[in-house]
Full PDB file with SEQRES, HELIX, SHEET, SSBOND, CRYST1, ORIGX, SCALE, CONECT and MASTER records, all heavy atoms in Angstrom:
SEQRES   1 A   36  LEU ARG MET PRO GLY MET GLU PHE ALA SER GLU LEU VAL          
SEQRES   2 A   36  VAL ARG ALA ALA LEU ALA GLY TYR ASP ILE ALA GLU VAL          
SEQRES   3 A   36  PRO THR ARG LEU ARG ARG ASP GLY ARG SER                      
HELIX    1 AA1 PHE A    8  LEU A   18  1                                  11    
CRYST1    1.000    1.000    1.000  90.00  90.00  90.00 P 1           1          
ORIGX1      1.000000  0.000000  0.000000        0.00000                         
ORIGX2      0.000000  1.000000  0.000000        0.00000                         
ORIGX3      0.000000  0.000000  1.000000        0.00000                         
SCALE1      1.000000  0.000000  0.000000        0.00000                         
SCALE2      0.000000  1.000000  0.000000        0.00000                         
SCALE3      0.000000  0.000000  1.000000        0.00000                         
ATOM      1  N   LEU A   1     -25.587-187.724-138.513  1.00  0.00           N  
ATOM      2  CA  LEU A   1     -24.331-188.150-139.124  1.00  0.00           C  
ATOM      3  C   LEU A   1     -23.167-188.345-138.111  1.00  0.00           C  
ATOM      4  O   LEU A   1     -23.041-187.452-137.316  1.00  0.00           O  
ATOM      5  CB  LEU A   1     -23.897-187.340-140.271  1.00  0.00           C  
ATOM      6  CG  LEU A   1     -24.987-187.150-141.433  1.00  0.00           C  
ATOM      7  CD1 LEU A   1     -24.472-186.203-142.437  1.00  0.00           C  
ATOM      8  CD2 LEU A   1     -25.332-188.507-142.039  1.00  0.00           C  
ATOM      9  N   ARG A   2     -22.338-189.374-138.247  1.00  0.00           N  
ATOM     10  CA  ARG A   2     -21.339-189.569-137.130  1.00  0.00           C  
ATOM     11  C   ARG A   2     -20.048-190.116-137.757  1.00  0.00           C  
ATOM     12  O   ARG A   2     -19.115-190.389-136.805  1.00  0.00           O  
ATOM     13  CB  ARG A   2     -21.947-190.451-136.102  1.00  0.00           C  
ATOM     14  CG  ARG A   2     -22.490-191.679-136.546  1.00  0.00           C  
ATOM     15  CD  ARG A   2     -23.306-192.465-135.445  1.00  0.00           C  
ATOM     16  NE  ARG A   2     -22.421-192.738-134.349  1.00  0.00           N  
ATOM     17  CZ  ARG A   2     -22.944-193.087-133.127  1.00  0.00           C  
ATOM     18  NH1 ARG A   2     -24.229-193.138-132.979  1.00  0.00           N  
ATOM     19  NH2 ARG A   2     -22.114-193.360-132.116  1.00  0.00           N  
ATOM     20  N   MET A   3     -19.979-190.483-138.912  1.00  0.00           N  
ATOM     21  CA  MET A   3     -18.667-191.207-139.376  1.00  0.00           C  
ATOM     22  C   MET A   3     -17.605-190.175-139.660  1.00  0.00           C  
ATOM     23  O   MET A   3     -17.797-189.196-140.358  1.00  0.00           O  
ATOM     24  CB  MET A   3     -18.949-192.016-140.648  1.00  0.00           C  
ATOM     25  CG  MET A   3     -19.976-193.032-140.488  1.00  0.00           C  
ATOM     26  SD  MET A   3     -19.640-194.188-139.079  1.00  0.00           S  
ATOM     27  CE  MET A   3     -18.184-194.945-139.787  1.00  0.00           C  
ATOM     28  N   PRO A   4     -16.451-190.202-138.865  1.00  0.00           N  
ATOM     29  CA  PRO A   4     -15.448-189.167-139.030  1.00  0.00           C  
ATOM     30  C   PRO A   4     -14.532-189.357-140.176  1.00  0.00           C  
ATOM     31  O   PRO A   4     -13.740-188.456-140.567  1.00  0.00           O  
ATOM     32  CB  PRO A   4     -14.583-189.299-137.654  1.00  0.00           C  
ATOM     33  CG  PRO A   4     -14.806-190.767-137.394  1.00  0.00           C  
ATOM     34  CD  PRO A   4     -16.147-191.110-137.896  1.00  0.00           C  
ATOM     35  N   GLY A   5     -14.477-190.452-140.834  1.00  0.00           N  
ATOM     36  CA  GLY A   5     -13.568-190.722-141.856  1.00  0.00           C  
ATOM     37  C   GLY A   5     -14.171-190.533-143.247  1.00  0.00           C  
ATOM     38  O   GLY A   5     -15.148-189.866-143.494  1.00  0.00           O  
ATOM     39  N   MET A   6     -13.447-191.055-144.322  1.00  0.00           N  
ATOM     40  CA  MET A   6     -13.866-190.864-145.635  1.00  0.00           C  
ATOM     41  C   MET A   6     -15.255-191.480-145.972  1.00  0.00           C  
ATOM     42  O   MET A   6     -15.945-191.011-146.861  1.00  0.00           O  
ATOM     43  CB  MET A   6     -12.886-191.478-146.608  1.00  0.00           C  
ATOM     44  CG  MET A   6     -11.549-190.748-146.785  1.00  0.00           C  
ATOM     45  SD  MET A   6     -11.812-189.172-147.624  1.00  0.00           S  
ATOM     46  CE  MET A   6     -10.079-188.613-147.697  1.00  0.00           C  
ATOM     47  N   GLU A   7     -15.663-192.443-145.139  1.00  0.00           N  
ATOM     48  CA  GLU A   7     -16.928-193.076-145.345  1.00  0.00           C  
ATOM     49  C   GLU A   7     -18.159-192.182-145.023  1.00  0.00           C  
ATOM     50  O   GLU A   7     -19.298-192.551-145.257  1.00  0.00           O  
ATOM     51  CB  GLU A   7     -17.131-194.328-144.530  1.00  0.00           C  
ATOM     52  CG  GLU A   7     -16.999-194.204-143.037  1.00  0.00           C  
ATOM     53  CD  GLU A   7     -15.573-194.354-142.476  1.00  0.00           C  
ATOM     54  OE1 GLU A   7     -14.585-193.815-143.206  1.00  0.00           O  
ATOM     55  OE2 GLU A   7     -15.435-194.972-141.428  1.00  0.00           O  
ATOM     56  N   PHE A   8     -17.807-190.941-144.498  1.00  0.00           N  
ATOM     57  CA  PHE A   8     -18.934-189.982-144.284  1.00  0.00           C  
ATOM     58  C   PHE A   8     -19.621-189.744-145.606  1.00  0.00           C  
ATOM     59  O   PHE A   8     -20.819-189.489-145.652  1.00  0.00           O  
ATOM     60  CB  PHE A   8     -18.200-188.620-143.846  1.00  0.00           C  
ATOM     61  CG  PHE A   8     -19.198-187.543-143.687  1.00  0.00           C  
ATOM     62  CD1 PHE A   8     -19.932-187.330-142.509  1.00  0.00           C  
ATOM     63  CD2 PHE A   8     -19.443-186.669-144.729  1.00  0.00           C  
ATOM     64  CE1 PHE A   8     -20.810-186.295-142.353  1.00  0.00           C  
ATOM     65  CE2 PHE A   8     -20.339-185.619-144.623  1.00  0.00           C  
ATOM     66  CZ  PHE A   8     -21.016-185.433-143.449  1.00  0.00           C  
ATOM     67  N   ALA A   9     -18.842-189.741-146.767  1.00  0.00           N  
ATOM     68  CA  ALA A   9     -19.585-189.616-148.097  1.00  0.00           C  
ATOM     69  C   ALA A   9     -20.756-190.578-148.264  1.00  0.00           C  
ATOM     70  O   ALA A   9     -21.785-190.216-148.826  1.00  0.00           O  
ATOM     71  CB  ALA A   9     -18.497-189.598-149.155  1.00  0.00           C  
ATOM     72  N   SER A  10     -20.390-191.840-147.942  1.00  0.00           N  
ATOM     73  CA  SER A  10     -21.427-192.910-148.121  1.00  0.00           C  
ATOM     74  C   SER A  10     -22.587-192.713-147.059  1.00  0.00           C  
ATOM     75  O   SER A  10     -23.718-192.875-147.374  1.00  0.00           O  
ATOM     76  CB  SER A  10     -20.827-194.338-147.949  1.00  0.00           C  
ATOM     77  OG  SER A  10     -20.033-194.506-149.019  1.00  0.00           O  
ATOM     78  N   GLU A  11     -22.177-192.367-145.754  1.00  0.00           N  
ATOM     79  CA  GLU A  11     -23.024-192.281-144.754  1.00  0.00           C  
ATOM     80  C   GLU A  11     -24.148-191.197-145.109  1.00  0.00           C  
ATOM     81  O   GLU A  11     -25.396-191.455-144.856  1.00  0.00           O  
ATOM     82  CB  GLU A  11     -22.456-191.914-143.465  1.00  0.00           C  
ATOM     83  CG  GLU A  11     -23.493-191.809-142.335  1.00  0.00           C  
ATOM     84  CD  GLU A  11     -22.864-191.384-141.020  1.00  0.00           C  
ATOM     85  OE1 GLU A  11     -21.749-190.595-141.094  1.00  0.00           O  
ATOM     86  OE2 GLU A  11     -23.410-191.489-140.000  1.00  0.00           O  
ATOM     87  N   LEU A  12     -23.812-190.121-145.616  1.00  0.00           N  
ATOM     88  CA  LEU A  12     -24.758-189.060-145.854  1.00  0.00           C  
ATOM     89  C   LEU A  12     -25.855-189.492-146.891  1.00  0.00           C  
ATOM     90  O   LEU A  12     -27.121-189.270-146.681  1.00  0.00           O  
ATOM     91  CB  LEU A  12     -23.987-187.833-146.477  1.00  0.00           C  
ATOM     92  CG  LEU A  12     -24.752-186.407-146.649  1.00  0.00           C  
ATOM     93  CD1 LEU A  12     -23.784-185.334-146.580  1.00  0.00           C  
ATOM     94  CD2 LEU A  12     -25.614-186.335-147.862  1.00  0.00           C  
ATOM     95  N   VAL A  13     -25.340-190.125-148.059  1.00  0.00           N  
ATOM     96  CA  VAL A  13     -26.340-190.622-149.034  1.00  0.00           C  
ATOM     97  C   VAL A  13     -27.101-191.818-148.520  1.00  0.00           C  
ATOM     98  O   VAL A  13     -28.418-191.699-148.737  1.00  0.00           O  
ATOM     99  CB  VAL A  13     -25.552-191.001-150.378  1.00  0.00           C  
ATOM    100  CG1 VAL A  13     -26.543-191.448-151.422  1.00  0.00           C  
ATOM    101  CG2 VAL A  13     -24.643-190.034-150.759  1.00  0.00           C  
ATOM    102  N   VAL A  14     -26.602-192.661-147.752  1.00  0.00           N  
ATOM    103  CA  VAL A  14     -27.354-193.866-147.300  1.00  0.00           C  
ATOM    104  C   VAL A  14     -28.370-193.375-146.221  1.00  0.00           C  
ATOM    105  O   VAL A  14     -29.538-193.809-146.357  1.00  0.00           O  
ATOM    106  CB  VAL A  14     -26.332-194.850-146.615  1.00  0.00           C  
ATOM    107  CG1 VAL A  14     -27.154-195.924-145.887  1.00  0.00           C  
ATOM    108  CG2 VAL A  14     -25.527-195.457-147.678  1.00  0.00           C  
ATOM    109  N   ARG A  15     -27.970-192.567-145.348  1.00  0.00           N  
ATOM    110  CA  ARG A  15     -28.906-192.195-144.296  1.00  0.00           C  
ATOM    111  C   ARG A  15     -30.090-191.277-144.971  1.00  0.00           C  
ATOM    112  O   ARG A  15     -31.242-191.387-144.629  1.00  0.00           O  
ATOM    113  CB  ARG A  15     -28.353-191.410-143.163  1.00  0.00           C  
ATOM    114  CG  ARG A  15     -27.438-192.226-142.249  1.00  0.00           C  
ATOM    115  CD  ARG A  15     -27.025-191.435-140.989  1.00  0.00           C  
ATOM    116  NE  ARG A  15     -26.158-192.133-140.140  1.00  0.00           N  
ATOM    117  CZ  ARG A  15     -26.527-193.063-139.166  1.00  0.00           C  
ATOM    118  NH1 ARG A  15     -27.761-193.202-139.029  1.00  0.00           N  
ATOM    119  NH2 ARG A  15     -25.593-193.543-138.364  1.00  0.00           N  
ATOM    120  N   ALA A  16     -29.724-190.572-145.871  1.00  0.00           N  
ATOM    121  CA  ALA A  16     -30.756-189.706-146.539  1.00  0.00           C  
ATOM    122  C   ALA A  16     -31.706-190.578-147.336  1.00  0.00           C  
ATOM    123  O   ALA A  16     -32.873-190.392-147.293  1.00  0.00           O  
ATOM    124  CB  ALA A  16     -30.133-188.646-147.445  1.00  0.00           C  
ATOM    125  N   ALA A  17     -31.165-191.675-148.052  1.00  0.00           N  
ATOM    126  CA  ALA A  17     -32.039-192.497-148.814  1.00  0.00           C  
ATOM    127  C   ALA A  17     -33.005-193.326-147.841  1.00  0.00           C  
ATOM    128  O   ALA A  17     -34.157-193.397-148.063  1.00  0.00           O  
ATOM    129  CB  ALA A  17     -31.205-193.520-149.603  1.00  0.00           C  
ATOM    130  N   LEU A  18     -32.428-193.775-146.737  1.00  0.00           N  
ATOM    131  CA  LEU A  18     -33.280-194.510-145.691  1.00  0.00           C  
ATOM    132  C   LEU A  18     -34.262-193.591-145.132  1.00  0.00           C  
ATOM    133  O   LEU A  18     -35.263-194.150-144.622  1.00  0.00           O  
ATOM    134  CB  LEU A  18     -32.295-195.221-144.717  1.00  0.00           C  
ATOM    135  CG  LEU A  18     -31.353-196.259-145.195  1.00  0.00           C  
ATOM    136  CD1 LEU A  18     -30.369-196.808-144.162  1.00  0.00           C  
ATOM    137  CD2 LEU A  18     -32.159-197.335-145.808  1.00  0.00           C  
ATOM    138  N   ALA A  19     -34.002-192.319-145.021  1.00  0.00           N  
ATOM    139  CA  ALA A  19     -35.015-191.458-144.335  1.00  0.00           C  
ATOM    140  C   ALA A  19     -36.066-190.989-145.389  1.00  0.00           C  
ATOM    141  O   ALA A  19     -36.923-190.262-144.971  1.00  0.00           O  
ATOM    142  CB  ALA A  19     -34.208-190.219-143.670  1.00  0.00           C  
ATOM    143  N   GLY A  20     -35.855-191.369-146.626  1.00  0.00           N  
ATOM    144  CA  GLY A  20     -36.886-191.024-147.610  1.00  0.00           C  
ATOM    145  C   GLY A  20     -36.633-189.633-148.156  1.00  0.00           C  
ATOM    146  O   GLY A  20     -37.603-189.117-148.781  1.00  0.00           O  
ATOM    147  N   TYR A  21     -35.490-189.165-148.122  1.00  0.00           N  
ATOM    148  CA  TYR A  21     -35.216-187.834-148.645  1.00  0.00           C  
ATOM    149  C   TYR A  21     -35.267-187.748-150.096  1.00  0.00           C  
ATOM    150  O   TYR A  21     -34.909-188.847-150.803  1.00  0.00           O  
ATOM    151  CB  TYR A  21     -33.804-187.297-148.087  1.00  0.00           C  
ATOM    152  CG  TYR A  21     -33.794-186.791-146.677  1.00  0.00           C  
ATOM    153  CD1 TYR A  21     -34.799-187.046-145.848  1.00  0.00           C  
ATOM    154  CD2 TYR A  21     -32.717-186.063-146.235  1.00  0.00           C  
ATOM    155  CE1 TYR A  21     -34.815-186.560-144.481  1.00  0.00           C  
ATOM    156  CE2 TYR A  21     -32.703-185.672-144.836  1.00  0.00           C  
ATOM    157  CZ  TYR A  21     -33.705-185.919-144.089  1.00  0.00           C  
ATOM    158  OH  TYR A  21     -33.753-185.516-142.719  1.00  0.00           O  
ATOM    159  N   ASP A  22     -35.472-186.654-150.732  1.00  0.00           N  
ATOM    160  CA  ASP A  22     -35.528-186.447-152.117  1.00  0.00           C  
ATOM    161  C   ASP A  22     -34.057-186.201-152.579  1.00  0.00           C  
ATOM    162  O   ASP A  22     -33.497-185.132-152.319  1.00  0.00           O  
ATOM    163  CB  ASP A  22     -36.412-185.263-152.490  1.00  0.00           C  
ATOM    164  CG  ASP A  22     -36.611-185.128-154.063  1.00  0.00           C  
ATOM    165  OD1 ASP A  22     -35.852-185.790-154.737  1.00  0.00           O  
ATOM    166  OD2 ASP A  22     -37.515-184.270-154.332  1.00  0.00           O  
ATOM    167  N   ILE A  23     -33.422-187.075-153.344  1.00  0.00           N  
ATOM    168  CA  ILE A  23     -32.195-187.022-153.776  1.00  0.00           C  
ATOM    169  C   ILE A  23     -32.063-186.862-155.219  1.00  0.00           C  
ATOM    170  O   ILE A  23     -32.739-187.621-156.028  1.00  0.00           O  
ATOM    171  CB  ILE A  23     -31.275-188.277-153.377  1.00  0.00           C  
ATOM    172  CG1 ILE A  23     -31.361-188.358-151.888  1.00  0.00           C  
ATOM    173  CG2 ILE A  23     -29.812-188.054-153.878  1.00  0.00           C  
ATOM    174  CD1 ILE A  23     -30.682-189.678-151.329  1.00  0.00           C  
ATOM    175  N   ALA A  24     -31.471-185.788-155.768  1.00  0.00           N  
ATOM    176  CA  ALA A  24     -31.285-185.542-157.223  1.00  0.00           C  
ATOM    177  C   ALA A  24     -29.811-185.537-157.508  1.00  0.00           C  
ATOM    178  O   ALA A  24     -28.934-185.650-156.730  1.00  0.00           O  
ATOM    179  CB  ALA A  24     -31.919-184.214-157.571  1.00  0.00           C  
ATOM    180  N   GLU A  25     -29.521-185.496-158.857  1.00  0.00           N  
ATOM    181  CA  GLU A  25     -28.138-185.526-159.382  1.00  0.00           C  
ATOM    182  C   GLU A  25     -28.017-184.550-160.466  1.00  0.00           C  
ATOM    183  O   GLU A  25     -28.812-184.439-161.334  1.00  0.00           O  
ATOM    184  CB  GLU A  25     -27.762-186.961-159.765  1.00  0.00           C  
ATOM    185  CG  GLU A  25     -26.353-187.177-159.917  1.00  0.00           C  
ATOM    186  CD  GLU A  25     -25.990-188.674-160.166  1.00  0.00           C  
ATOM    187  OE1 GLU A  25     -26.546-189.225-161.259  1.00  0.00           O  
ATOM    188  OE2 GLU A  25     -25.258-189.173-159.418  1.00  0.00           O  
ATOM    189  N   VAL A  26     -26.879-183.913-160.554  1.00  0.00           N  
ATOM    190  CA  VAL A  26     -26.611-182.890-161.708  1.00  0.00           C  
ATOM    191  C   VAL A  26     -25.118-183.192-162.056  1.00  0.00           C  
ATOM    192  O   VAL A  26     -24.258-183.674-161.437  1.00  0.00           O  
ATOM    193  CB  VAL A  26     -26.675-181.412-161.124  1.00  0.00           C  
ATOM    194  CG1 VAL A  26     -28.080-181.146-160.700  1.00  0.00           C  
ATOM    195  CG2 VAL A  26     -25.713-181.111-160.007  1.00  0.00           C  
ATOM    196  N   PRO A  27     -24.839-183.017-163.425  1.00  0.00           N  
ATOM    197  CA  PRO A  27     -23.479-183.178-163.864  1.00  0.00           C  
ATOM    198  C   PRO A  27     -22.548-182.208-163.261  1.00  0.00           C  
ATOM    199  O   PRO A  27     -22.864-181.076-163.102  1.00  0.00           O  
ATOM    200  CB  PRO A  27     -23.649-182.983-165.429  1.00  0.00           C  
ATOM    201  CG  PRO A  27     -25.056-183.067-165.623  1.00  0.00           C  
ATOM    202  CD  PRO A  27     -25.706-182.515-164.525  1.00  0.00           C  
ATOM    203  N   THR A  28     -21.306-182.651-163.054  1.00  0.00           N  
ATOM    204  CA  THR A  28     -20.266-181.641-162.564  1.00  0.00           C  
ATOM    205  C   THR A  28     -18.931-182.322-163.187  1.00  0.00           C  
ATOM    206  O   THR A  28     -18.796-183.386-163.458  1.00  0.00           O  
ATOM    207  CB  THR A  28     -20.145-181.602-161.099  1.00  0.00           C  
ATOM    208  OG1 THR A  28     -19.173-180.638-160.760  1.00  0.00           O  
ATOM    209  CG2 THR A  28     -19.638-182.909-160.453  1.00  0.00           C  
ATOM    210  N   ARG A  29     -18.075-181.305-163.401  1.00  0.00           N  
ATOM    211  CA  ARG A  29     -16.761-181.653-164.054  1.00  0.00           C  
ATOM    212  C   ARG A  29     -15.598-181.939-163.000  1.00  0.00           C  
ATOM    213  O   ARG A  29     -15.554-181.194-162.119  1.00  0.00           O  
ATOM    214  CB  ARG A  29     -16.263-180.631-165.097  1.00  0.00           C  
ATOM    215  CG  ARG A  29     -15.115-181.156-165.979  1.00  0.00           C  
ATOM    216  CD  ARG A  29     -14.948-180.267-167.164  1.00  0.00           C  
ATOM    217  NE  ARG A  29     -13.981-180.868-168.189  1.00  0.00           N  
ATOM    218  CZ  ARG A  29     -14.392-181.734-169.012  1.00  0.00           C  
ATOM    219  NH1 ARG A  29     -15.610-182.270-169.047  1.00  0.00           N  
ATOM    220  NH2 ARG A  29     -13.359-182.126-169.858  1.00  0.00           N  
ATOM    221  N   LEU A  30     -14.875-183.000-163.274  1.00  0.00           N  
ATOM    222  CA  LEU A  30     -13.653-183.170-162.436  1.00  0.00           C  
ATOM    223  C   LEU A  30     -12.359-182.889-163.179  1.00  0.00           C  
ATOM    224  O   LEU A  30     -12.191-183.430-164.345  1.00  0.00           O  
ATOM    225  CB  LEU A  30     -13.741-184.665-161.931  1.00  0.00           C  
ATOM    226  CG  LEU A  30     -12.522-185.078-161.014  1.00  0.00           C  
ATOM    227  CD1 LEU A  30     -12.837-184.457-159.662  1.00  0.00           C  
ATOM    228  CD2 LEU A  30     -12.446-186.534-160.880  1.00  0.00           C  
ATOM    229  N   ARG A  31     -11.572-182.058-162.602  1.00  0.00           N  
ATOM    230  CA  ARG A  31     -10.258-181.740-163.115  1.00  0.00           C  
ATOM    231  C   ARG A  31      -9.179-182.308-162.360  1.00  0.00           C  
ATOM    232  O   ARG A  31      -9.391-182.896-161.251  1.00  0.00           O  
ATOM    233  CB  ARG A  31     -10.124-180.153-163.178  1.00  0.00           C  
ATOM    234  CG  ARG A  31     -11.164-179.498-164.104  1.00  0.00           C  
ATOM    235  CD  ARG A  31     -11.019-177.961-164.079  1.00  0.00           C  
ATOM    236  NE  ARG A  31     -11.845-177.354-165.080  1.00  0.00           N  
ATOM    237  CZ  ARG A  31     -13.085-177.014-164.860  1.00  0.00           C  
ATOM    238  NH1 ARG A  31     -13.698-177.236-163.676  1.00  0.00           N  
ATOM    239  NH2 ARG A  31     -13.849-176.399-165.776  1.00  0.00           N  
ATOM    240  N   ARG A  32      -7.950-182.216-162.862  1.00  0.00           N  
ATOM    241  CA  ARG A  32      -6.770-182.781-162.215  1.00  0.00           C  
ATOM    242  C   ARG A  32      -6.613-182.087-160.798  1.00  0.00           C  
ATOM    243  O   ARG A  32      -6.750-180.791-160.760  1.00  0.00           O  
ATOM    244  CB  ARG A  32      -5.526-182.640-163.023  1.00  0.00           C  
ATOM    245  CG  ARG A  32      -5.506-183.533-164.234  1.00  0.00           C  
ATOM    246  CD  ARG A  32      -4.182-183.403-165.044  1.00  0.00           C  
ATOM    247  NE  ARG A  32      -3.062-183.699-164.218  1.00  0.00           N  
ATOM    248  CZ  ARG A  32      -2.446-184.926-164.150  1.00  0.00           C  
ATOM    249  NH1 ARG A  32      -2.942-185.864-164.972  1.00  0.00           N  
ATOM    250  NH2 ARG A  32      -1.437-185.151-163.388  1.00  0.00           N  
ATOM    251  N   ASP A  33      -6.134-182.908-159.853  1.00  0.00           N  
ATOM    252  CA  ASP A  33      -5.840-182.214-158.567  1.00  0.00           C  
ATOM    253  C   ASP A  33      -4.793-181.207-158.741  1.00  0.00           C  
ATOM    254  O   ASP A  33      -3.765-181.554-159.422  1.00  0.00           O  
ATOM    255  CB  ASP A  33      -5.333-183.482-157.658  1.00  0.00           C  
ATOM    256  CG  ASP A  33      -5.100-183.025-156.199  1.00  0.00           C  
ATOM    257  OD1 ASP A  33      -4.855-181.822-156.020  1.00  0.00           O  
ATOM    258  OD2 ASP A  33      -5.147-183.886-155.381  1.00  0.00           O  
ATOM    259  N   GLY A  34      -4.942-180.098-158.114  1.00  0.00           N  
ATOM    260  CA  GLY A  34      -3.950-179.052-158.291  1.00  0.00           C  
ATOM    261  C   GLY A  34      -2.741-179.082-157.369  1.00  0.00           C  
ATOM    262  O   GLY A  34      -1.769-178.251-157.490  1.00  0.00           O  
ATOM    263  N   ARG A  35      -2.686-180.059-156.511  1.00  0.00           N  
ATOM    264  CA  ARG A  35      -1.686-180.148-155.497  1.00  0.00           C  
ATOM    265  C   ARG A  35      -0.439-180.911-156.013  1.00  0.00           C  
ATOM    266  O   ARG A  35      -0.661-181.789-156.951  1.00  0.00           O  
ATOM    267  CB  ARG A  35      -2.167-180.769-154.281  1.00  0.00           C  
ATOM    268  CG  ARG A  35      -3.288-180.125-153.538  1.00  0.00           C  
ATOM    269  CD  ARG A  35      -3.923-180.909-152.509  1.00  0.00           C  
ATOM    270  NE  ARG A  35      -4.490-182.029-153.024  1.00  0.00           N  
ATOM    271  CZ  ARG A  35      -5.267-182.978-152.293  1.00  0.00           C  
ATOM    272  NH1 ARG A  35      -5.562-182.626-151.019  1.00  0.00           N  
ATOM    273  NH2 ARG A  35      -5.853-184.067-152.798  1.00  0.00           N  
ATOM    274  N   SER A  36       0.737-180.691-155.427  1.00  0.00           N  
ATOM    275  CA  SER A  36       1.902-181.415-155.957  1.00  0.00           C  
ATOM    276  C   SER A  36       2.106-182.612-155.074  1.00  0.00           C  
ATOM    277  O   SER A  36       2.926-183.561-155.371  1.00  0.00           O  
ATOM    278  CB  SER A  36       3.150-180.492-155.836  1.00  0.00           C  
ATOM    279  OG  SER A  36       3.350-179.959-154.493  1.00  0.00           O  
TER     280      SER A  36                                                      
MASTER        0    0    0    1    0    0    0    6  279    1    0    3          
END                                                                             
């Protein structure tokens, strides 16, 4: 992996998919950002 910006999130999934990695998904909850 080599993308330094926000697109790192896409790079991780894309490279894993192209490499044939086993990718699963689980539910998770998103709450309001706690910062002001």
